[in-house]
Amino acid sequence: MKLLLIEDNPELAHWLASLLREQEFVVDHVADGDAADRLLRQAGYDVVLLDLNLPQLSGKAVLRRLRERGDTVPVIILTATASLDQKVICLEIGADDYLVKPFEARELVARIKALVRRQVPGKANDIGCGDLHYDFRTRQFTLAGTQLPLPPRERTLLETLMLKVGSTVTKQALIDSVFGLDEDASADAVDIYLHRLRKKLEGSEATIITLRGVGYLLRTRE
């Protein structure tokens, strides 16, 4: 899963980004509202973590612009303000969750998983594609009932396909899901990860289909 952290406090941003990367999330970070607004216009994320008191453009302004464009990406407000009026305003203009600093890391991770799960039909903790299953609680895959160990980037890529199971995912979306802003994105590397995943899925009921010029599709074998 790929997250966008919008936070202007450098110490807090570093702590949060490090914590989330330890949980094997891909994390991009920006420190002001204008940069966040520009990035959200061109890149896709699974969840946005948004501070309210930002330079250039406030967090509420970023959220308003996001929703006015019709972007439905889940947004968690991270703020030191516990005011009920502030919370109500943020929820009314499109926030999905509101978390007051300081907060427990485990709670933030659980809320991120819950928001992503809500985007999946059925909203269940388990997503299946034939005998390939993904557990939201552990973010682990099993194949025919046996745990499928995967390196972080292969797991992120398969996670992206599984969250869109039965739907086409563009190659650019796969590249974006695997690499952060501070990394050199590589289409060739994604091809290698896809090749490795296909090898690991050989003999299973799940397969990754290439739709030339369109993208990739995780589905059950015919």
C-alpha atoms as a PDB file:
ATOM      1  CA  MET A   1       0.000   0.000   0.000  1.00  0.00           C
ATOM      2  CA  LYS A   2       1.205   3.495  -0.791  1.00  0.00           C
ATOM      3  CA  LEU A   3       0.612   6.435   1.530  1.00  0.00           C
ATOM      4  CA  LEU A   4       1.052  10.181   1.217  1.00  0.00           C
ATOM      5  CA  LEU A   5       2.108  11.883   4.446  1.00  0.00           C
ATOM      6  CA  ILE A   6       1.464  15.647   4.487  1.00  0.00           C
ATOM      7  CA  GLU A   7       3.183  17.010   7.589  1.00  0.00           C
ATOM      8  CA  ASP A   8       5.333  20.123   8.115  1.00  0.00           C
ATOM      9  CA  ASN A   9       6.952  19.092  11.409  1.00  0.00           C
ATOM     10  CA  PRO A  10      10.217  17.460  10.258  1.00  0.00           C
ATOM     11  CA  GLU A  11      10.774  15.391  13.413  1.00  0.00           C
ATOM     12  CA  LEU A  12       7.230  14.044  13.454  1.00  0.00           C
ATOM     13  CA  ALA A  13       7.284  13.410   9.699  1.00  0.00           C
ATOM     14  CA  HIS A  14      10.548  11.467   9.970  1.00  0.00           C
ATOM     15  CA  TRP A  15       9.190   9.374  12.861  1.00  0.00           C
ATOM     16  CA  LEU A  16       5.918   8.633  11.097  1.00  0.00           C
ATOM     17  CA  ALA A  17       7.507   7.811   7.748  1.00  0.00           C
ATOM     18  CA  SER A  18      10.049   5.502   9.399  1.00  0.00           C
ATOM     19  CA  LEU A  19       7.363   3.754  11.428  1.00  0.00           C
ATOM     20  CA  LEU A  20       5.145   3.202   8.406  1.00  0.00           C
ATOM     21  CA  ARG A  21       8.019   1.977   6.236  1.00  0.00           C
ATOM     22  CA  GLU A  22       8.872  -0.537   8.959  1.00  0.00           C
ATOM     23  CA  GLN A  23       5.309  -1.803   8.449  1.00  0.00           C
ATOM     24  CA  GLU A  24       6.198  -2.151   4.729  1.00  0.00           C
ATOM     25  CA  PHE A  25       4.069   0.716   3.485  1.00  0.00           C
ATOM     26  CA  VAL A  26       5.472   2.800   0.638  1.00  0.00           C
ATOM     27  CA  VAL A  27       5.495   6.385   1.937  1.00  0.00           C
ATOM     28  CA  ASP A  28       5.828   9.727   0.146  1.00  0.00           C
ATOM     29  CA  HIS A  29       6.173  12.859   2.255  1.00  0.00           C
ATOM     30  CA  VAL A  30       5.548  16.539   1.484  1.00  0.00           C
ATOM     31  CA  ALA A  31       5.731  19.407   3.952  1.00  0.00           C
ATOM     32  CA  ASP A  32       3.370  22.077   2.567  1.00  0.00           C
ATOM     33  CA  GLY A  33      -0.134  22.302   1.174  1.00  0.00           C
ATOM     34  CA  ASP A  34       0.770  23.536  -2.305  1.00  0.00           C
ATOM     35  CA  ALA A  35       3.176  20.638  -2.878  1.00  0.00           C
ATOM     36  CA  ALA A  36       0.550  18.210  -1.583  1.00  0.00           C
ATOM     37  CA  ASP A  37      -2.123  19.619  -3.885  1.00  0.00           C
ATOM     38  CA  ARG A  38       0.155  19.351  -6.930  1.00  0.00           C
ATOM     39  CA  LEU A  39       1.170  15.796  -6.097  1.00  0.00           C
ATOM     40  CA  LEU A  40      -2.392  14.646  -5.486  1.00  0.00           C
ATOM     41  CA  ARG A  41      -3.369  15.911  -8.934  1.00  0.00           C
ATOM     42  CA  GLN A  42      -0.870  13.604 -10.636  1.00  0.00           C
ATOM     43  CA  ALA A  43      -0.292  10.581  -8.393  1.00  0.00           C
ATOM     44  CA  GLY A  44      -2.493   7.934  -6.812  1.00  0.00           C
ATOM     45  CA  TYR A  45      -2.373   6.773  -3.178  1.00  0.00           C
ATOM     46  CA  ASP A  46      -4.212   4.237  -1.054  1.00  0.00           C
ATOM     47  CA  VAL A  47      -4.490   6.607   1.924  1.00  0.00           C
ATOM     48  CA  VAL A  48      -3.558  10.257   2.605  1.00  0.00           C
ATOM     49  CA  LEU A  49      -2.382  11.312   6.092  1.00  0.00           C
ATOM     50  CA  LEU A  50      -3.082  15.036   6.340  1.00  0.00           C
ATOM     51  CA  ASP A  51      -2.004  17.600   8.925  1.00  0.00           C
ATOM     52  CA  LEU A  52      -4.228  20.681   9.170  1.00  0.00           C
ATOM     53  CA  ASN A  53      -1.743  23.453   9.995  1.00  0.00           C
ATOM     54  CA  LEU A  54       0.381  23.531   6.854  1.00  0.00           C
ATOM     55  CA  PRO A  55       2.329  26.350   5.172  1.00  0.00           C
ATOM     56  CA  GLN A  56       1.267  27.665   1.737  1.00  0.00           C
ATOM     57  CA  LEU A  57      -2.147  25.959   1.732  1.00  0.00           C
ATOM     58  CA  SER A  58      -4.012  24.693   4.784  1.00  0.00           C
ATOM     59  CA  GLY A  59      -4.900  21.056   5.253  1.00  0.00           C
ATOM     60  CA  LYS A  60      -8.595  21.857   4.986  1.00  0.00           C
ATOM     61  CA  ALA A  61      -7.992  23.646   1.680  1.00  0.00           C
ATOM     62  CA  VAL A  62      -6.058  20.628   0.360  1.00  0.00           C
ATOM     63  CA  LEU A  63      -8.960  18.374   1.376  1.00  0.00           C
ATOM     64  CA  ARG A  64     -11.589  20.659  -0.199  1.00  0.00           C
ATOM     65  CA  ARG A  65      -9.716  20.780  -3.521  1.00  0.00           C
ATOM     66  CA  LEU A  66      -9.257  17.011  -3.464  1.00  0.00           C
ATOM     67  CA  ARG A  67     -12.970  16.343  -3.027  1.00  0.00           C
ATOM     68  CA  GLU A  68     -14.008  19.063  -5.493  1.00  0.00           C
ATOM     69  CA  ARG A  69     -11.983  17.174  -8.143  1.00  0.00           C
ATOM     70  CA  GLY A  70     -13.983  14.047  -7.331  1.00  0.00           C
ATOM     71  CA  ASP A  71     -10.976  12.230  -5.856  1.00  0.00           C
ATOM     72  CA  THR A  72     -12.224   9.634  -3.355  1.00  0.00           C
ATOM     73  CA  VAL A  73      -8.851   8.613  -1.862  1.00  0.00           C
ATOM     74  CA  PRO A  74      -9.321   7.972   1.892  1.00  0.00           C
ATOM     75  CA  VAL A  75      -8.006  10.803   4.072  1.00  0.00           C
ATOM     76  CA  ILE A  76      -7.033  10.609   7.746  1.00  0.00           C
ATOM     77  CA  ILE A  77      -6.624  13.967   9.477  1.00  0.00           C
ATOM     78  CA  LEU A  78      -3.645  13.999  11.862  1.00  0.00           C
ATOM     79  CA  THR A  79      -3.834  17.030  14.141  1.00  0.00           C
ATOM     80  CA  ALA A  80      -3.089  18.304  17.630  1.00  0.00           C
ATOM     81  CA  THR A  81      -6.522  19.981  17.689  1.00  0.00           C
ATOM     82  CA  ALA A  82      -9.072  17.958  19.642  1.00  0.00           C
ATOM     83  CA  SER A  83     -11.892  20.470  19.044  1.00  0.00           C
ATOM     84  CA  LEU A  84     -15.201  18.785  18.223  1.00  0.00           C
ATOM     85  CA  ASP A  85     -16.159  21.668  15.916  1.00  0.00           C
ATOM     86  CA  GLN A  86     -12.912  21.206  13.955  1.00  0.00           C
ATOM     87  CA  LYS A  87     -13.497  17.472  13.692  1.00  0.00           C
ATOM     88  CA  VAL A  88     -17.066  17.961  12.435  1.00  0.00           C
ATOM     89  CA  ILE A  89     -15.924  20.476   9.799  1.00  0.00           C
ATOM     90  CA  CYS A  90     -13.225  18.134   8.506  1.00  0.00           C
ATOM     91  CA  LEU A  91     -15.614  15.187   8.290  1.00  0.00           C
ATOM     92  CA  GLU A  92     -18.205  17.348   6.536  1.00  0.00           C
ATOM     93  CA  ILE A  93     -15.773  18.492   3.840  1.00  0.00           C
ATOM     94  CA  GLY A  94     -14.632  14.955   3.102  1.00  0.00           C
ATOM     95  CA  ALA A  95     -12.241  13.495   5.683  1.00  0.00           C
ATOM     96  CA  ASP A  96     -12.727   9.798   6.377  1.00  0.00           C
ATOM     97  CA  ASP A  97     -11.097   9.714   9.805  1.00  0.00           C
ATOM     98  CA  TYR A  98      -9.686  12.097  12.406  1.00  0.00           C
ATOM     99  CA  LEU A  99      -6.832  11.235  14.750  1.00  0.00           C
ATOM    100  CA  VAL A 100      -5.554  13.552  17.491  1.00  0.00           C
ATOM    101  CA  LYS A 101      -1.830  13.781  18.237  1.00  0.00           C
ATOM    102  CA  PRO A 102      -0.196  12.170  20.089  1.00  0.00           C
ATOM    103  CA  PHE A 103      -1.522   8.797  19.004  1.00  0.00           C
ATOM    104  CA  GLU A 104      -0.420   5.179  19.202  1.00  0.00           C
ATOM    105  CA  ALA A 105       1.329   3.822  16.129  1.00  0.00           C
ATOM    106  CA  ARG A 106      -0.730   0.609  16.231  1.00  0.00           C
ATOM    107  CA  GLU A 107      -3.948   2.591  16.120  1.00  0.00           C
ATOM    108  CA  LEU A 108      -2.816   4.571  13.071  1.00  0.00           C
ATOM    109  CA  VAL A 109      -1.838   1.395  11.206  1.00  0.00           C
ATOM    110  CA  ALA A 110      -5.177  -0.231  12.100  1.00  0.00           C
ATOM    111  CA  ARG A 111      -7.102   2.806  10.850  1.00  0.00           C
ATOM    112  CA  ILE A 112      -5.138   2.830   7.577  1.00  0.00           C
ATOM    113  CA  LYS A 113      -5.977  -0.838   6.978  1.00  0.00           C
ATOM    114  CA  ALA A 114      -9.634  -0.229   7.850  1.00  0.00           C
ATOM    115  CA  LEU A 115      -9.926   2.626   5.347  1.00  0.00           C
ATOM    116  CA  VAL A 116      -8.378   0.586   2.539  1.00  0.00           C
ATOM    117  CA  ARG A 117     -10.641  -2.355   3.373  1.00  0.00           C
ATOM    118  CA  ARG A 118     -13.699  -0.114   2.990  1.00  0.00           C
ATOM    119  CA  GLN A 119     -12.756   0.472  -0.653  1.00  0.00           C
ATOM    120  CA  VAL A 120     -12.993  -3.266  -1.403  1.00  0.00           C
ATOM    121  CA  PRO A 121     -16.355  -4.822  -2.371  1.00  0.00           C
ATOM    122  CA  GLY A 122     -17.726  -6.721   0.600  1.00  0.00           C
ATOM    123  CA  LYS A 123     -15.374  -4.923   3.018  1.00  0.00           C
ATOM    124  CA  ALA A 124     -14.180  -8.294   4.314  1.00  0.00           C
ATOM    125  CA  ASN A 125     -10.846  -8.946   6.010  1.00  0.00           C
ATOM    126  CA  ASP A 126     -10.026 -11.558   3.384  1.00  0.00           C
ATOM    127  CA  ILE A 127      -9.836 -11.083  -0.387  1.00  0.00           C
ATOM    128  CA  GLY A 128      -9.587 -14.128  -2.615  1.00  0.00           C
ATOM    129  CA  CYS A 129      -8.627 -14.926  -6.185  1.00  0.00           C
ATOM    130  CA  GLY A 130      -9.018 -18.666  -6.571  1.00  0.00           C
ATOM    131  CA  ASP A 131      -6.747 -20.289  -3.985  1.00  0.00           C
ATOM    132  CA  LEU A 132      -4.760 -17.062  -3.491  1.00  0.00           C
ATOM    133  CA  HIS A 133      -5.923 -15.120  -0.430  1.00  0.00           C
ATOM    134  CA  TYR A 134      -4.941 -11.814   1.171  1.00  0.00           C
ATOM    135  CA  ASP A 135      -5.579 -11.035   4.848  1.00  0.00           C
ATOM    136  CA  PHE A 136      -6.044  -7.323   5.607  1.00  0.00           C
ATOM    137  CA  ARG A 137      -5.209  -7.773   9.292  1.00  0.00           C
ATOM    138  CA  THR A 138      -1.766  -9.251   8.694  1.00  0.00           C
ATOM    139  CA  ARG A 139      -1.223  -7.991   5.112  1.00  0.00           C
ATOM    140  CA  GLN A 140      -0.046 -11.500   4.262  1.00  0.00           C
ATOM    141  CA  PHE A 141      -0.842 -13.783   1.340  1.00  0.00           C
ATOM    142  CA  THR A 142      -1.647 -17.480   1.460  1.00  0.00           C
ATOM    143  CA  LEU A 143      -1.686 -19.859  -1.494  1.00  0.00           C
ATOM    144  CA  ALA A 144      -3.734 -23.058  -1.202  1.00  0.00           C
ATOM    145  CA  GLY A 145      -3.802 -22.532   2.565  1.00  0.00           C
ATOM    146  CA  THR A 146      -0.037 -22.075   2.911  1.00  0.00           C
ATOM    147  CA  GLN A 147       1.618 -18.739   3.660  1.00  0.00           C
ATOM    148  CA  LEU A 148       3.208 -17.200   0.563  1.00  0.00           C
ATOM    149  CA  PRO A 149       6.382 -15.365   1.655  1.00  0.00           C
ATOM    150  CA  LEU A 150       7.241 -12.443  -0.619  1.00  0.00           C
ATOM    151  CA  PRO A 151       9.961  -9.764  -0.627  1.00  0.00           C
ATOM    152  CA  PRO A 152       8.533  -6.301   0.174  1.00  0.00           C
ATOM    153  CA  ARG A 153       8.268  -4.979  -3.392  1.00  0.00           C
ATOM    154  CA  GLU A 154       6.779  -8.177  -4.802  1.00  0.00           C
ATOM    155  CA  ARG A 155       4.245  -8.152  -1.994  1.00  0.00           C
ATOM    156  CA  THR A 156       3.388  -4.496  -2.609  1.00  0.00           C
ATOM    157  CA  LEU A 157       2.881  -5.188  -6.301  1.00  0.00           C
ATOM    158  CA  LEU A 158       0.693  -8.250  -5.675  1.00  0.00           C
ATOM    159  CA  GLU A 159      -1.188  -6.299  -3.011  1.00  0.00           C
ATOM    160  CA  THR A 160      -1.949  -3.591  -5.587  1.00  0.00           C
ATOM    161  CA  LEU A 161      -3.266  -6.161  -8.048  1.00  0.00           C
ATOM    162  CA  MET A 162      -5.269  -7.982  -5.365  1.00  0.00           C
ATOM    163  CA  LEU A 163      -6.976  -4.795  -4.166  1.00  0.00           C
ATOM    164  CA  LYS A 164      -8.154  -4.362  -7.781  1.00  0.00           C
ATOM    165  CA  VAL A 165      -8.758  -8.079  -8.423  1.00  0.00           C
ATOM    166  CA  GLY A 166     -10.722  -8.565 -11.644  1.00  0.00           C
ATOM    167  CA  SER A 167      -9.904  -5.033 -12.812  1.00  0.00           C
ATOM    168  CA  THR A 168      -7.074  -3.767 -14.996  1.00  0.00           C
ATOM    169  CA  VAL A 169      -4.168  -1.945 -13.346  1.00  0.00           C
ATOM    170  CA  THR A 170      -1.929   0.163 -15.581  1.00  0.00           C
ATOM    171  CA  LYS A 171       1.820  -0.346 -15.602  1.00  0.00           C
ATOM    172  CA  GLN A 172       2.303   3.228 -14.393  1.00  0.00           C
ATOM    173  CA  ALA A 173       0.038   2.504 -11.428  1.00  0.00           C
ATOM    174  CA  LEU A 174       2.170  -0.529 -10.580  1.00  0.00           C
ATOM    175  CA  ILE A 175       5.358   1.525 -10.871  1.00  0.00           C
ATOM    176  CA  ASP A 176       3.859   4.222  -8.641  1.00  0.00           C
ATOM    177  CA  SER A 177       2.750   1.642  -6.068  1.00  0.00           C
ATOM    178  CA  VAL A 178       6.242   0.174  -5.683  1.00  0.00           C
ATOM    179  CA  PHE A 179       8.482   3.258  -5.778  1.00  0.00           C
ATOM    180  CA  GLY A 180       8.409   6.372  -3.618  1.00  0.00           C
ATOM    181  CA  LEU A 181       9.247   9.919  -4.691  1.00  0.00           C
ATOM    182  CA  ASP A 182      12.823   9.612  -3.442  1.00  0.00           C
ATOM    183  CA  GLU A 183      13.503   6.408  -5.408  1.00  0.00           C
ATOM    184  CA  ASP A 184      14.401   5.836  -9.042  1.00  0.00           C
ATOM    185  CA  ALA A 185      11.268   4.309 -10.552  1.00  0.00           C
ATOM    186  CA  SER A 186      12.032   1.479 -12.948  1.00  0.00           C
ATOM    187  CA  ALA A 187       9.636  -0.134 -15.394  1.00  0.00           C
ATOM    188  CA  ASP A 188      12.193  -2.894 -15.961  1.00  0.00           C
ATOM    189  CA  ALA A 189      12.210  -3.698 -12.247  1.00  0.00           C
ATOM    190  CA  VAL A 190       8.414  -4.007 -12.263  1.00  0.00           C
ATOM    191  CA  ASP A 191       8.699  -6.460 -15.184  1.00  0.00           C
ATOM    192  CA  ILE A 192      11.105  -8.539 -13.093  1.00  0.00           C
ATOM    193  CA  TYR A 193       8.771  -8.501 -10.071  1.00  0.00           C
ATOM    194  CA  LEU A 194       5.843  -9.555 -12.272  1.00  0.00           C
ATOM    195  CA  HIS A 195       7.899 -12.401 -13.743  1.00  0.00           C
ATOM    196  CA  ARG A 196       8.807 -13.649 -10.255  1.00  0.00           C
ATOM    197  CA  LEU A 197       5.205 -13.451  -9.085  1.00  0.00           C
ATOM    198  CA  ARG A 198       3.981 -15.391 -12.098  1.00  0.00           C
ATOM    199  CA  LYS A 199       6.520 -18.133 -11.320  1.00  0.00           C
ATOM    200  CA  LYS A 200       5.282 -18.304  -7.730  1.00  0.00           C
ATOM    201  CA  LEU A 201       1.670 -18.537  -8.898  1.00  0.00           C
ATOM    202  CA  GLU A 202       2.357 -21.362 -11.370  1.00  0.00           C
ATOM    203  CA  GLY A 203       0.038 -24.282 -10.695  1.00  0.00           C
ATOM    204  CA  SER A 204      -2.334 -22.122  -8.652  1.00  0.00           C
ATOM    205  CA  GLU A 205      -5.849 -20.962  -9.522  1.00  0.00           C
ATOM    206  CA  ALA A 206      -4.693 -17.322  -9.767  1.00  0.00           C
ATOM    207  CA  THR A 207      -2.825 -15.765 -12.655  1.00  0.00           C
ATOM    208  CA  ILE A 208      -1.576 -12.335 -13.751  1.00  0.00           C
ATOM    209  CA  ILE A 209      -2.664 -11.482 -17.295  1.00  0.00           C
ATOM    210  CA  THR A 210      -0.959  -8.888 -19.497  1.00  0.00           C
ATOM    211  CA  LEU A 211      -3.346  -6.779 -21.561  1.00  0.00           C
ATOM    212  CA  ARG A 212      -1.035  -5.178 -24.103  1.00  0.00           C
ATOM    213  CA  GLY A 213      -1.247  -1.413 -24.147  1.00  0.00           C
ATOM    214  CA  VAL A 214      -3.716  -1.454 -21.260  1.00  0.00           C
ATOM    215  CA  GLY A 215      -2.168  -3.000 -18.151  1.00  0.00           C
ATOM    216  CA  TYR A 216      -2.293  -6.065 -15.944  1.00  0.00           C
ATOM    217  CA  LEU A 217      -5.096  -8.128 -14.485  1.00  0.00           C
ATOM    218  CA  LEU A 218      -5.144 -10.560 -11.556  1.00  0.00           C
ATOM    219  CA  ARG A 219      -7.857 -13.174 -12.083  1.00  0.00           C
ATOM    220  CA  THR A 220      -8.616 -16.865 -11.778  1.00  0.00           C
ATOM    221  CA  ARG A 221      -7.387 -19.167 -14.503  1.00  0.00           C
ATOM    222  CA  GLU A 222      -9.908 -20.215 -17.122  1.00  0.00           C
END
